[in-house]
Protein backbone atom coordinates (compact mmCIF):
# COMPACT_ATOMS: atom_id res chain seq x y z
CA MET A 1 81.79 115.16 111.82
CA ALA A 2 84.76 112.95 110.93
CA LYS A 3 87.62 114.39 108.94
CA GLU A 4 87.78 113.50 105.26
CA TRP A 5 91.28 112.14 104.62
CA THR A 6 92.98 112.62 101.28
CA ASP A 7 95.22 109.96 99.77
CA GLU A 8 98.28 112.15 100.31
CA GLU A 9 97.51 112.61 104.02
CA VAL A 10 96.96 108.89 104.49
CA GLN A 11 100.22 108.02 102.71
CA LYS A 12 102.08 110.60 104.83
CA GLU A 13 100.65 109.18 108.09
CA ILE A 14 101.52 105.62 107.05
CA SER A 15 105.08 106.64 106.11
CA GLU A 16 105.57 108.36 109.46
CA ALA A 17 104.24 105.32 111.34
CA VAL A 18 106.55 102.97 109.41
CA GLN A 19 109.52 105.23 110.18
CA ILE A 20 108.67 105.24 113.90
CA VAL A 21 108.45 101.44 113.97
CA ARG A 22 111.81 101.11 112.20
CA GLU A 23 113.46 103.51 114.64
CA ASP A 24 112.01 101.59 117.60
CA ARG A 25 113.31 98.29 116.23
CA ILE A 26 116.78 99.73 115.67
CA ASP A 27 116.79 101.22 119.18
CA THR A 28 115.74 97.88 120.67
CA LEU A 29 118.40 96.00 118.72
CA ILE A 30 121.15 98.39 119.78
CA ARG A 31 119.97 98.43 123.40
CA ASN A 32 119.95 94.62 123.55
CA ARG A 33 123.41 94.32 122.04
CA LEU A 34 124.96 96.98 124.25
CA SER A 35 123.35 95.83 127.49
CA ALA A 36 124.08 92.13 127.02
CA PRO A 37 126.29 90.78 129.82
CA PRO A 38 129.86 90.14 128.70
CA SER A 39 130.75 86.52 128.20
CA ASN A 40 133.63 85.41 130.42
CA SER A 41 135.27 82.46 128.73
CA ASP A 42 138.12 82.60 131.29
CA LYS A 43 135.91 81.40 134.17
CA PRO A 44 135.58 77.63 134.65
CA GLU A 45 132.12 76.16 134.54
CA ASN A 46 130.43 75.36 137.85
CA ASN A 47 129.00 72.10 136.51
CA PRO A 48 131.41 69.17 136.87
CA PRO A 49 131.57 66.74 133.94
CA PRO A 50 129.31 63.66 134.23
CA PRO A 51 130.93 60.40 135.30
CA SER A 52 132.13 58.21 132.46
CA GLY A 53 129.68 55.67 131.12
CA SER A 54 126.58 57.66 132.08
CA THR A 55 124.08 59.00 129.63
CA ASN A 56 123.57 62.72 129.58
CA ASP A 57 119.88 62.88 128.70
CA GLY A 58 119.02 65.34 131.47
CA ASN A 59 116.68 62.92 133.24
CA GLY A 60 119.26 60.98 135.23
CA GLY A 61 118.40 57.76 133.43
CA ASN A 62 114.67 58.04 134.11
CA PRO A 63 112.18 57.65 131.24
CA PRO A 64 110.81 60.92 129.81
CA VAL A 65 107.94 62.41 131.76
CA LYS A 66 104.70 63.05 129.90
CA ARG A 67 103.14 66.40 130.67
CA LYS A 68 99.58 67.45 130.08
CA SER A 69 99.14 70.26 127.59
CA LEU A 70 96.31 72.69 127.91
CA TRP A 71 95.13 72.16 124.34
CA TRP A 72 96.57 69.00 122.86
CA GLY A 73 96.75 66.41 125.59
CA GLU A 74 100.03 64.71 126.54
CA ILE A 75 103.42 65.88 125.30
CA ASP A 76 106.70 63.95 125.36
CA ASP A 77 109.72 65.80 126.74
CA LYS A 78 112.77 64.78 124.79
């Protein structure tokens, strides 16, 4: 037979679950911030600047390519 839960027991279980989720989120936040690779602003970028007079649209001057979406049909890449 299933256990009959009282309101106090349910509230206690919910409070403990909420506390565990908060602790996990804090741990994840701290872990992500501490393990992030350091940014080296002293290193030059490997990408040379584009020649003057060219557009920097990422397509090399080609029109945007339309891709097929699984649900909604064609999508424009901008």
